[in-house]
Amino acid sequence: QTGMDLAKELVQQYTNDYVLVVVAGMNYAEYVEAMDNKVVLASAEL
């Protein structure tokens, strides 16, 4: 639910054209990548 809510919220920032928003919605996703040195979304972005 958190991921779906975040994706819906972020996509509303873009009102023109086509937009694809990919999320890891938990607030600790960035921490897992930074502190635990584990890939969450970085490889998907690349």
All heavy atoms as atom14 arrays in JSON, in Angstrom:
{
  "sequence": "QTGMDLAKELVQQYTNDYVLVVVAGMNYAEYVEAMDNKVVLASAEL",
  "atom14_mask": [
    [1, 1, 1, 1, 1, 1, 1, 1, 1, 0, 0, 0, 0, 0],
    [1, 1, 1, 1, 1, 1, 1, 0, 0, 0, 0, 0, 0, 0],
    [1, 1, 1, 1, 0, 0, 0, 0, 0, 0, 0, 0, 0, 0],
    [1, 1, 1, 1, 1, 1, 1, 1, 0, 0, 0, 0, 0, 0],
    [1, 1, 1, 1, 1, 1, 1, 1, 0, 0, 0, 0, 0, 0],
    [1, 1, 1, 1, 1, 1, 1, 1, 0, 0, 0, 0, 0, 0],
    [1, 1, 1, 1, 1, 0, 0, 0, 0, 0, 0, 0, 0, 0],
    [1, 1, 1, 1, 1, 1, 1, 1, 1, 0, 0, 0, 0, 0],
    [1, 1, 1, 1, 1, 1, 1, 1, 1, 0, 0, 0, 0, 0],
    [1, 1, 1, 1, 1, 1, 1, 1, 0, 0, 0, 0, 0, 0],
    [1, 1, 1, 1, 1, 1, 1, 0, 0, 0, 0, 0, 0, 0],
    [1, 1, 1, 1, 1, 1, 1, 1, 1, 0, 0, 0, 0, 0],
    [1, 1, 1, 1, 1, 1, 1, 1, 1, 0, 0, 0, 0, 0],
    [1, 1, 1, 1, 1, 1, 1, 1, 1, 1, 1, 1, 0, 0],
    [1, 1, 1, 1, 1, 1, 1, 0, 0, 0, 0, 0, 0, 0],
    [1, 1, 1, 1, 1, 1, 1, 1, 0, 0, 0, 0, 0, 0],
    [1, 1, 1, 1, 1, 1, 1, 1, 0, 0, 0, 0, 0, 0],
    [1, 1, 1, 1, 1, 1, 1, 1, 1, 1, 1, 1, 0, 0],
    [1, 1, 1, 1, 1, 1, 1, 0, 0, 0, 0, 0, 0, 0],
    [1, 1, 1, 1, 1, 1, 1, 1, 0, 0, 0, 0, 0, 0],
    [1, 1, 1, 1, 1, 1, 1, 0, 0, 0, 0, 0, 0, 0],
    [1, 1, 1, 1, 1, 1, 1, 0, 0, 0, 0, 0, 0, 0],
    [1, 1, 1, 1, 1, 1, 1, 0, 0, 0, 0, 0, 0, 0],
    [1, 1, 1, 1, 1, 0, 0, 0, 0, 0, 0, 0, 0, 0],
    [1, 1, 1, 1, 0, 0, 0, 0, 0, 0, 0, 0, 0, 0],
    [1, 1, 1, 1, 1, 1, 1, 1, 0, 0, 0, 0, 0, 0],
    [1, 1, 1, 1, 1, 1, 1, 1, 0, 0, 0, 0, 0, 0],
    [1, 1, 1, 1, 1, 1, 1, 1, 1, 1, 1, 1, 0, 0],
    [1, 1, 1, 1, 1, 0, 0, 0, 0, 0, 0, 0, 0, 0],
    [1, 1, 1, 1, 1, 1, 1, 1, 1, 0, 0, 0, 0, 0],
    [1, 1, 1, 1, 1, 1, 1, 1, 1, 1, 1, 1, 0, 0],
    [1, 1, 1, 1, 1, 1, 1, 0, 0, 0, 0, 0, 0, 0],
    [1, 1, 1, 1, 1, 1, 1, 1, 1, 0, 0, 0, 0, 0],
    [1, 1, 1, 1, 1, 0, 0, 0, 0, 0, 0, 0, 0, 0],
    [1, 1, 1, 1, 1, 1, 1, 1, 0, 0, 0, 0, 0, 0],
    [1, 1, 1, 1, 1, 1, 1, 1, 0, 0, 0, 0, 0, 0],
    [1, 1, 1, 1, 1, 1, 1, 1, 0, 0, 0, 0, 0, 0],
    [1, 1, 1, 1, 1, 1, 1, 1, 1, 0, 0, 0, 0, 0],
    [1, 1, 1, 1, 1, 1, 1, 0, 0, 0, 0, 0, 0, 0],
    [1, 1, 1, 1, 1, 1, 1, 0, 0, 0, 0, 0, 0, 0],
    [1, 1, 1, 1, 1, 1, 1, 1, 0, 0, 0, 0, 0, 0],
    [1, 1, 1, 1, 1, 0, 0, 0, 0, 0, 0, 0, 0, 0],
    [1, 1, 1, 1, 1, 1, 0, 0, 0, 0, 0, 0, 0, 0],
    [1, 1, 1, 1, 1, 0, 0, 0, 0, 0, 0, 0, 0, 0],
    [1, 1, 1, 1, 1, 1, 1, 1, 1, 0, 0, 0, 0, 0],
    [1, 1, 1, 1, 1, 1, 1, 1, 0, 0, 0, 0, 0, 0]
  ],
  "atom14_positions": [
    [[0.82, -1.21, 0.0], [0.0, 0.0, 0.0], [0.85, 1.26, 0.0], [0.57, 2.21, -0.71], [-0.94, 0.01, 1.21], [-1.99, 1.09, 1.13], [-2.9, 0.94, -0.08], [-3.47, -0.1, -0.32], [-3.02, 2.01, -0.86], [0.0, 0.0, 0.0], [0.0, 0.0, 0.0], [0.0, 0.0, 0.0], [0.0, 0.0, 0.0], [0.0, 0.0, 0.0]],
    [[1.93, 1.26, 0.78], [2.82, 2.42, 0.84], [3.46, 2.7, -0.51], [3.53, 3.86, -0.95], [3.92, 2.2, 1.91], [3.28, 1.98, 3.17], [4.84, 3.38, 2.01], [0.0, 0.0, 0.0], [0.0, 0.0, 0.0], [0.0, 0.0, 0.0], [0.0, 0.0, 0.0], [0.0, 0.0, 0.0], [0.0, 0.0, 0.0], [0.0, 0.0, 0.0]],
    [[3.91, 1.66, -1.19], [4.51, 1.82, -2.51], [3.52, 2.38, -3.52], [3.83, 3.3, -4.28], [0.0, 0.0, 0.0], [0.0, 0.0, 0.0], [0.0, 0.0, 0.0], [0.0, 0.0, 0.0], [0.0, 0.0, 0.0], [0.0, 0.0, 0.0], [0.0, 0.0, 0.0], [0.0, 0.0, 0.0], [0.0, 0.0, 0.0], [0.0, 0.0, 0.0]],
    [[2.32, 1.81, -3.51], [1.28, 2.28, -4.45], [0.92, 3.74, -4.17], [0.82, 4.54, -5.11], [0.04, 1.39, -4.33], [-0.92, 1.55, -5.47], [-2.33, 0.41, -5.38], [-1.52, -1.16, -5.42], [0.0, 0.0, 0.0], [0.0, 0.0, 0.0], [0.0, 0.0, 0.0], [0.0, 0.0, 0.0], [0.0, 0.0, 0.0], [0.0, 0.0, 0.0]],
    [[0.76, 4.08, -2.91], [0.42, 5.46, -2.54], [1.52, 6.43, -2.97], [1.23, 7.5, -3.51], [0.17, 5.59, -1.04], [-1.1, 4.88, -0.58], [-1.94, 4.52, -1.43], [-1.23, 4.66, 0.65], [0.0, 0.0, 0.0], [0.0, 0.0, 0.0], [0.0, 0.0, 0.0], [0.0, 0.0, 0.0], [0.0, 0.0, 0.0], [0.0, 0.0, 0.0]],
    [[2.78, 6.07, -2.72], [3.89, 6.95, -3.09], [3.96, 7.14, -4.61], [4.13, 8.26, -5.09], [5.22, 6.4, -2.57], [6.45, 7.22, -2.95], [6.37, 8.63, -2.38], [7.72, 6.5, -2.5], [0.0, 0.0, 0.0], [0.0, 0.0, 0.0], [0.0, 0.0, 0.0], [0.0, 0.0, 0.0], [0.0, 0.0, 0.0], [0.0, 0.0, 0.0]],
    [[3.82, 6.05, -5.34], [3.88, 6.16, -6.8], [2.77, 7.06, -7.33], [3.01, 7.91, -8.2], [3.79, 4.76, -7.43], [0.0, 0.0, 0.0], [0.0, 0.0, 0.0], [0.0, 0.0, 0.0], [0.0, 0.0, 0.0], [0.0, 0.0, 0.0], [0.0, 0.0, 0.0], [0.0, 0.0, 0.0], [0.0, 0.0, 0.0], [0.0, 0.0, 0.0]],
    [[1.57, 6.9, -6.8], [0.44, 7.75, -7.23], [0.7, 9.22, -6.88], [0.37, 10.11, -7.66], [-0.85, 7.28, -6.58], [-1.39, 5.99, -7.14], [-2.64, 5.58, -6.39], [-3.22, 4.29, -6.88], [-4.42, 3.88, -6.12], [0.0, 0.0, 0.0], [0.0, 0.0, 0.0], [0.0, 0.0, 0.0], [0.0, 0.0, 0.0], [0.0, 0.0, 0.0]],
    [[1.29, 9.45, -5.72], [1.59, 10.82, -5.29], [2.65, 11.45, -6.2], [2.51, 12.59, -6.66], [2.09, 10.81, -3.85], [2.49, 12.15, -3.31], [3.09, 12.04, -1.92], [2.66, 11.2, -1.12], [4.02, 12.83, -1.64], [0.0, 0.0, 0.0], [0.0, 0.0, 0.0], [0.0, 0.0, 0.0], [0.0, 0.0, 0.0], [0.0, 0.0, 0.0]],
    [[3.72, 10.7, -6.47], [4.81, 11.24, -7.29], [4.38, 11.51, -8.72], [4.77, 12.51, -9.32], [6.0, 10.28, -7.27], [6.74, 10.17, -5.95], [7.8, 9.07, -6.03], [7.36, 11.5, -5.56], [0.0, 0.0, 0.0], [0.0, 0.0, 0.0], [0.0, 0.0, 0.0], [0.0, 0.0, 0.0], [0.0, 0.0, 0.0], [0.0, 0.0, 0.0]],
    [[3.59, 10.63, -9.28], [3.2, 10.79, -10.68], [2.31, 12.01, -10.88], [2.29, 12.6, -11.96], [2.56, 9.49, -11.22], [1.09, 9.39, -10.84], [2.73, 9.38, -12.72], [0.0, 0.0, 0.0], [0.0, 0.0, 0.0], [0.0, 0.0, 0.0], [0.0, 0.0, 0.0], [0.0, 0.0, 0.0], [0.0, 0.0, 0.0], [0.0, 0.0, 0.0]],
    [[1.63, 12.46, -9.83], [0.77, 13.64, -9.93], [1.57, 14.93, -10.11], [1.02, 15.96, -10.48], [-0.14, 13.75, -8.71], [-1.16, 12.63, -8.6], [-2.0, 12.47, -9.85], [-2.53, 13.44, -10.4], [-2.13, 11.24, -10.31], [0.0, 0.0, 0.0], [0.0, 0.0, 0.0], [0.0, 0.0, 0.0], [0.0, 0.0, 0.0], [0.0, 0.0, 0.0]],
    [[2.86, 14.88, -9.87], [3.72, 16.05, -10.07], [3.93, 16.35, -11.55], [4.42, 17.42, -11.91], [5.07, 15.84, -9.39], [4.99, 15.71, -7.9], [6.34, 15.38, -7.28], [7.38, 15.54, -7.9], [6.3, 14.93, -6.04], [0.0, 0.0, 0.0], [0.0, 0.0, 0.0], [0.0, 0.0, 0.0], [0.0, 0.0, 0.0], [0.0, 0.0, 0.0]],
    [[3.58, 15.42, -12.41], [3.81, 15.55, -13.85], [2.47, 15.55, -14.56], [1.77, 14.53, -14.61], [4.68, 14.39, -14.35], [5.97, 14.27, -13.58], [6.08, 13.41, -12.5], [7.07, 15.05, -13.92], [7.25, 13.31, -11.78], [8.25, 14.96, -13.2], [8.33, 14.08, -12.13], [9.49, 13.99, -11.42], [0.0, 0.0, 0.0], [0.0, 0.0, 0.0]],
    [[2.1, 16.68, -15.13], [0.78, 16.8, -15.75], [0.83, 16.84, -17.26], [-0.21, 16.92, -17.9], [0.06, 18.06, -15.23], [0.87, 19.2, -15.5], [-0.2, 17.96, -13.73], [0.0, 0.0, 0.0], [0.0, 0.0, 0.0], [0.0, 0.0, 0.0], [0.0, 0.0, 0.0], [0.0, 0.0, 0.0], [0.0, 0.0, 0.0], [0.0, 0.0, 0.0]],
    [[2.03, 16.8, -17.83], [2.15, 16.83, -19.29], [2.84, 15.57, -19.77], [3.8, 15.1, -19.16], [2.96, 18.05, -19.76], [2.23, 19.34, -19.48], [1.02, 19.42, -19.62], [2.97, 20.35, -19.05], [0.0, 0.0, 0.0], [0.0, 0.0, 0.0], [0.0, 0.0, 0.0], [0.0, 0.0, 0.0], [0.0, 0.0, 0.0], [0.0, 0.0, 0.0]],
    [[2.34, 15.05, -20.88], [2.98, 13.94, -21.58], [2.87, 12.63, -20.81], [2.07, 12.48, -19.91], [4.43, 14.28, -21.91], [4.82, 13.81, -23.31], [4.05, 13.03, -23.92], [5.87, 14.23, -23.79], [0.0, 0.0, 0.0], [0.0, 0.0, 0.0], [0.0, 0.0, 0.0], [0.0, 0.0, 0.0], [0.0, 0.0, 0.0], [0.0, 0.0, 0.0]],
    [[3.7, 11.67, -21.2], [3.72, 10.35, -20.58], [4.77, 10.31, -19.49], [5.86, 10.86, -19.65], [4.05, 9.27, -21.62], [2.98, 9.1, -22.65], [3.03, 9.8, -23.85], [1.92, 8.24, -22.43], [2.04, 9.65, -24.8], [0.92, 8.08, -23.38], [0.99, 8.79, -24.56], [0.01, 8.64, -25.5], [0.0, 0.0, 0.0], [0.0, 0.0, 0.0]],
    [[4.44, 9.63, -18.39], [5.37, 9.53, -17.27], [5.34, 8.1, -16.73], [4.26, 7.53, -16.55], [4.99, 10.5, -16.14], [5.91, 10.35, -14.94], [5.01, 11.94, -16.64], [0.0, 0.0, 0.0], [0.0, 0.0, 0.0], [0.0, 0.0, 0.0], [0.0, 0.0, 0.0], [0.0, 0.0, 0.0], [0.0, 0.0, 0.0], [0.0, 0.0, 0.0]],
    [[6.52, 7.57, -16.49], [6.68, 6.29, -15.8], [7.41, 6.57, -14.5], [8.51, 7.12, -14.52], [7.49, 5.31, -16.66], [7.98, 4.04, -15.95], [6.82, 3.15, -15.52], [8.93, 3.28, -16.87], [0.0, 0.0, 0.0], [0.0, 0.0, 0.0], [0.0, 0.0, 0.0], [0.0, 0.0, 0.0], [0.0, 0.0, 0.0], [0.0, 0.0, 0.0]],
    [[6.8, 6.22, -13.38], [7.42, 6.38, -12.07], [7.58, 4.99, -11.47], [6.61, 4.25, -11.32], [6.56, 7.27, -11.14], [7.13, 7.29, -9.73], [6.45, 8.67, -11.7], [0.0, 0.0, 0.0], [0.0, 0.0, 0.0], [0.0, 0.0, 0.0], [0.0, 0.0, 0.0], [0.0, 0.0, 0.0], [0.0, 0.0, 0.0], [0.0, 0.0, 0.0]],
    [[8.82, 4.65, -11.12], [9.13, 3.38, -10.46], [9.58, 3.71, -9.05], [10.43, 4.59, -8.86], [10.24, 2.6, -11.21], [10.53, 1.28, -10.53], [9.84, 2.38, -12.67], [0.0, 0.0, 0.0], [0.0, 0.0, 0.0], [0.0, 0.0, 0.0], [0.0, 0.0, 0.0], [0.0, 0.0, 0.0], [0.0, 0.0, 0.0], [0.0, 0.0, 0.0]],
    [[9.02, 3.03, -8.06], [9.32, 3.35, -6.67], [9.66, 2.11, -5.85], [9.27, 1.0, -6.18], [8.13, 4.06, -5.97], [7.79, 5.37, -6.63], [6.93, 3.15, -5.88], [0.0, 0.0, 0.0], [0.0, 0.0, 0.0], [0.0, 0.0, 0.0], [0.0, 0.0, 0.0], [0.0, 0.0, 0.0], [0.0, 0.0, 0.0], [0.0, 0.0, 0.0]],
    [[10.4, 2.36, -4.78], [10.49, 1.48, -3.62], [9.91, 2.34, -2.51], [10.55, 3.29, -2.06], [11.92, 1.07, -3.35], [0.0, 0.0, 0.0], [0.0, 0.0, 0.0], [0.0, 0.0, 0.0], [0.0, 0.0, 0.0], [0.0, 0.0, 0.0], [0.0, 0.0, 0.0], [0.0, 0.0, 0.0], [0.0, 0.0, 0.0], [0.0, 0.0, 0.0]],
    [[8.71, 2.08, -2.11], [7.94, 3.01, -1.3], [8.27, 3.1, 0.17], [7.87, 4.06, 0.82], [0.0, 0.0, 0.0], [0.0, 0.0, 0.0], [0.0, 0.0, 0.0], [0.0, 0.0, 0.0], [0.0, 0.0, 0.0], [0.0, 0.0, 0.0], [0.0, 0.0, 0.0], [0.0, 0.0, 0.0], [0.0, 0.0, 0.0], [0.0, 0.0, 0.0]],
    [[8.97, 2.14, 0.71], [9.27, 2.22, 2.14], [10.31, 3.3, 2.4], [11.29, 3.41, 1.65], [9.75, 0.87, 2.66], [8.7, -0.24, 2.52], [7.06, 0.17, 3.17], [7.4, 0.23, 4.91], [0.0, 0.0, 0.0], [0.0, 0.0, 0.0], [0.0, 0.0, 0.0], [0.0, 0.0, 0.0], [0.0, 0.0, 0.0], [0.0, 0.0, 0.0]],
    [[10.13, 4.04, 3.46], [11.0, 5.19, 3.73], [12.44, 4.78, 4.04], [13.32, 5.62, 4.02], [10.43, 6.06, 4.84], [10.31, 5.32, 6.16], [10.6, 4.13, 6.25], [9.84, 6.01, 7.17], [0.0, 0.0, 0.0], [0.0, 0.0, 0.0], [0.0, 0.0, 0.0], [0.0, 0.0, 0.0], [0.0, 0.0, 0.0], [0.0, 0.0, 0.0]],
    [[12.7, 3.53, 4.28], [14.06, 3.08, 4.58], [14.78, 2.48, 3.38], [15.9, 1.99, 3.5], [14.06, 2.1, 5.76], [13.15, 0.91, 5.6], [13.56, -0.23, 4.91], [11.87, 0.92, 6.15], [12.72, -1.32, 4.77], [11.03, -0.16, 6.01], [11.46, -1.29, 5.33], [10.63, -2.36, 5.19], [0.0, 0.0, 0.0], [0.0, 0.0, 0.0]],
    [[14.18, 2.54, 2.21], [14.81, 1.97, 1.0], [16.16, 2.62, 0.72], [17.15, 1.94, 0.43], [13.89, 2.13, -0.21], [0.0, 0.0, 0.0], [0.0, 0.0, 0.0], [0.0, 0.0, 0.0], [0.0, 0.0, 0.0], [0.0, 0.0, 0.0], [0.0, 0.0, 0.0], [0.0, 0.0, 0.0], [0.0, 0.0, 0.0], [0.0, 0.0, 0.0]],
    [[16.21, 3.92, 0.83], [17.46, 4.65, 0.58], [18.52, 4.27, 1.62], [19.7, 4.13, 1.31], [17.19, 6.16, 0.61], [18.35, 6.99, 0.15], [17.99, 8.46, 0.05], [16.99, 8.91, 0.64], [18.74, 9.17, -0.64], [0.0, 0.0, 0.0], [0.0, 0.0, 0.0], [0.0, 0.0, 0.0], [0.0, 0.0, 0.0], [0.0, 0.0, 0.0]],
    [[18.09, 4.08, 2.85], [19.0, 3.69, 3.93], [19.61, 2.31, 3.62], [20.81, 2.11, 3.81], [18.25, 3.65, 5.26], [19.08, 3.11, 6.4], [19.95, 3.94, 7.1], [19.0, 1.77, 6.77], [20.72, 3.45, 8.14], [19.77, 1.28, 7.8], [20.63, 2.11, 8.49], [21.4, 1.62, 9.51], [0.0, 0.0, 0.0], [0.0, 0.0, 0.0]],
    [[18.8, 1.39, 3.15], [19.29, 0.04, 2.83], [20.37, 0.13, 1.76], [21.4, -0.53, 1.85], [18.13, -0.89, 2.4], [18.65, -2.2, 1.83], [17.2, -1.15, 3.57], [0.0, 0.0, 0.0], [0.0, 0.0, 0.0], [0.0, 0.0, 0.0], [0.0, 0.0, 0.0], [0.0, 0.0, 0.0], [0.0, 0.0, 0.0], [0.0, 0.0, 0.0]],
    [[20.15, 0.97, 0.75], [21.17, 1.12, -0.29], [22.43, 1.79, 0.24], [23.53, 1.34, -0.04], [20.62, 1.94, -1.47], [19.77, 1.14, -2.4], [19.56, 1.79, -3.74], [19.63, 3.03, -3.86], [19.29, 1.05, -4.69], [0.0, 0.0, 0.0], [0.0, 0.0, 0.0], [0.0, 0.0, 0.0], [0.0, 0.0, 0.0], [0.0, 0.0, 0.0]],
    [[22.27, 2.82, 1.02], [23.42, 3.6, 1.48], [24.2, 2.9, 2.6], [25.42, 2.79, 2.53], [22.96, 4.97, 1.96], [0.0, 0.0, 0.0], [0.0, 0.0, 0.0], [0.0, 0.0, 0.0], [0.0, 0.0, 0.0], [0.0, 0.0, 0.0], [0.0, 0.0, 0.0], [0.0, 0.0, 0.0], [0.0, 0.0, 0.0], [0.0, 0.0, 0.0]],
    [[23.49, 2.45, 3.61], [24.16, 1.92, 4.79], [24.48, 0.43, 4.68], [25.52, -0.02, 5.13], [23.3, 2.17, 6.04], [23.08, 3.64, 6.32], [24.59, 4.63, 6.45], [25.22, 4.03, 7.99], [0.0, 0.0, 0.0], [0.0, 0.0, 0.0], [0.0, 0.0, 0.0], [0.0, 0.0, 0.0], [0.0, 0.0, 0.0], [0.0, 0.0, 0.0]],
    [[23.57, -0.33, 4.12], [23.78, -1.77, 4.01], [24.47, -2.15, 2.71], [24.75, -3.32, 2.48], [22.46, -2.51, 4.14], [21.88, -2.44, 5.55], [22.62, -2.03, 6.46], [20.7, -2.78, 5.72], [0.0, 0.0, 0.0], [0.0, 0.0, 0.0], [0.0, 0.0, 0.0], [0.0, 0.0, 0.0], [0.0, 0.0, 0.0], [0.0, 0.0, 0.0]],
    [[24.69, -1.16, 1.83], [25.34, -1.39, 0.54], [24.63, -2.46, -0.28], [25.27, -3.32, -0.89], [26.82, -1.72, 0.74], [27.63, -1.46, -0.51], [27.26, -0.61, -1.31], [28.71, -2.19, -0.67], [0.0, 0.0, 0.0], [0.0, 0.0, 0.0], [0.0, 0.0, 0.0], [0.0, 0.0, 0.0], [0.0, 0.0, 0.0], [0.0, 0.0, 0.0]],
    [[23.31, -2.43, -0.24], [22.48, -3.35, -1.01], [21.74, -2.56, -2.08], [21.36, -1.43, -1.86], [21.47, -4.08, -0.12], [22.1, -4.9, 0.98], [22.83, -6.1, 0.42], [23.39, -6.95, 1.55], [24.01, -8.15, 1.07], [0.0, 0.0, 0.0], [0.0, 0.0, 0.0], [0.0, 0.0, 0.0], [0.0, 0.0, 0.0], [0.0, 0.0, 0.0]],
    [[21.55, -3.16, -3.21], [20.86, -2.48, -4.3], [19.35, -2.61, -4.11], [18.83, -3.71, -3.94], [21.28, -3.08, -5.66], [20.48, -2.45, -6.79], [22.76, -2.89, -5.88], [0.0, 0.0, 0.0], [0.0, 0.0, 0.0], [0.0, 0.0, 0.0], [0.0, 0.0, 0.0], [0.0, 0.0, 0.0], [0.0, 0.0, 0.0], [0.0, 0.0, 0.0]],
    [[18.65, -1.47, -4.13], [17.19, -1.48, -4.09], [16.69, -1.0, -5.46], [16.19, -1.79, -6.24], [16.63, -0.61, -2.94], [15.1, -0.62, -2.95], [17.15, -1.11, -1.6], [0.0, 0.0, 0.0], [0.0, 0.0, 0.0], [0.0, 0.0, 0.0], [0.0, 0.0, 0.0], [0.0, 0.0, 0.0], [0.0, 0.0, 0.0], [0.0, 0.0, 0.0]],
    [[16.84, 0.29, -5.76], [16.39, 0.81, -7.05], [17.52, 1.28, -7.96], [17.29, 1.56, -9.13], [15.42, 1.99, -6.85], [13.99, 1.64, -6.53], [13.15, 2.91, -6.45], [13.38, 0.68, -7.52], [0.0, 0.0, 0.0], [0.0, 0.0, 0.0], [0.0, 0.0, 0.0], [0.0, 0.0, 0.0], [0.0, 0.0, 0.0], [0.0, 0.0, 0.0]],
    [[18.72, 1.38, -7.47], [19.82, 1.94, -8.26], [20.03, 1.18, -9.57], [20.17, 1.8, -10.63], [21.11, 1.95, -7.44], [0.0, 0.0, 0.0], [0.0, 0.0, 0.0], [0.0, 0.0, 0.0], [0.0, 0.0, 0.0], [0.0, 0.0, 0.0], [0.0, 0.0, 0.0], [0.0, 0.0, 0.0], [0.0, 0.0, 0.0], [0.0, 0.0, 0.0]],
    [[20.03, -0.13, -9.53], [20.25, -0.89, -10.77], [19.07, -0.76, -11.72], [19.25, -0.75, -12.93], [20.54, -2.36, -10.46], [19.41, -2.98, -9.88], [0.0, 0.0, 0.0], [0.0, 0.0, 0.0], [0.0, 0.0, 0.0], [0.0, 0.0, 0.0], [0.0, 0.0, 0.0], [0.0, 0.0, 0.0], [0.0, 0.0, 0.0], [0.0, 0.0, 0.0]],
    [[17.87, -0.64, -11.17], [16.68, -0.45, -12.02], [16.74, 0.9, -12.73], [16.37, 1.02, -13.9], [15.41, -0.56, -11.19], [0.0, 0.0, 0.0], [0.0, 0.0, 0.0], [0.0, 0.0, 0.0], [0.0, 0.0, 0.0], [0.0, 0.0, 0.0], [0.0, 0.0, 0.0], [0.0, 0.0, 0.0], [0.0, 0.0, 0.0], [0.0, 0.0, 0.0]],
    [[17.23, 1.92, -12.03], [17.37, 3.25, -12.64], [18.4, 3.21, -13.77], [18.16, 3.74, -14.86], [17.79, 4.27, -11.59], [17.92, 5.66, -12.16], [18.33, 6.69, -11.13], [18.62, 6.34, -9.98], [18.35, 7.88, -11.5], [0.0, 0.0, 0.0], [0.0, 0.0, 0.0], [0.0, 0.0, 0.0], [0.0, 0.0, 0.0], [0.0, 0.0, 0.0]],
    [[19.53, 2.57, -13.53], [20.55, 2.44, -14.57], [20.01, 1.65, -15.76], [20.26, 2.01, -16.92], [21.8, 1.76, -14.01], [22.58, 2.57, -12.97], [23.69, 1.71, -12.36], [23.13, 3.84, -13.57], [0.0, 0.0, 0.0], [0.0, 0.0, 0.0], [0.0, 0.0, 0.0], [0.0, 0.0, 0.0], [0.0, 0.0, 0.0], [0.0, 0.0, 0.0]]
  ]
}
